Amino acid sequence: MAADTQKEVQAMLYQELILALRDRAGDSDSERWRVVRPVMDKGRCTDCGACIEFCPMATIFADGAVIRIRYEGCIGCGICAVNCRIHAITMEPSPDWHN
């Protein structure tokens, strides 16, 4: 299996797992239970789009020539950070996490 295909399959399976866990928890408001969130270093980002491609929740998007993260709906899974080839995305503590 090609590396790109393997990554796509892994992302798809991970998305299904996350959706199942979220549904089971009965809480679609990720702002309350997300512990970490992706933070993009715009100075390092080359706008390659890998983060958009692999985000299982489709919360990363292109706004013209700029890539943005919509935190509403972001589950903090870190797939975007793992697939960022230049490490422009880091996972940092979510300021809106509630115990």
Foldseek 3Di string as FASTA:
>chain_A
DDPVVVLQVVLVVVLVVVVVVCVVVVDQFLLAAAFKDKDFQQVQDPQPCQLCVRQSQNQWDDDDSDIDGRPGRRNQPCSSQVRPPRNRIDIDTRPRYDD
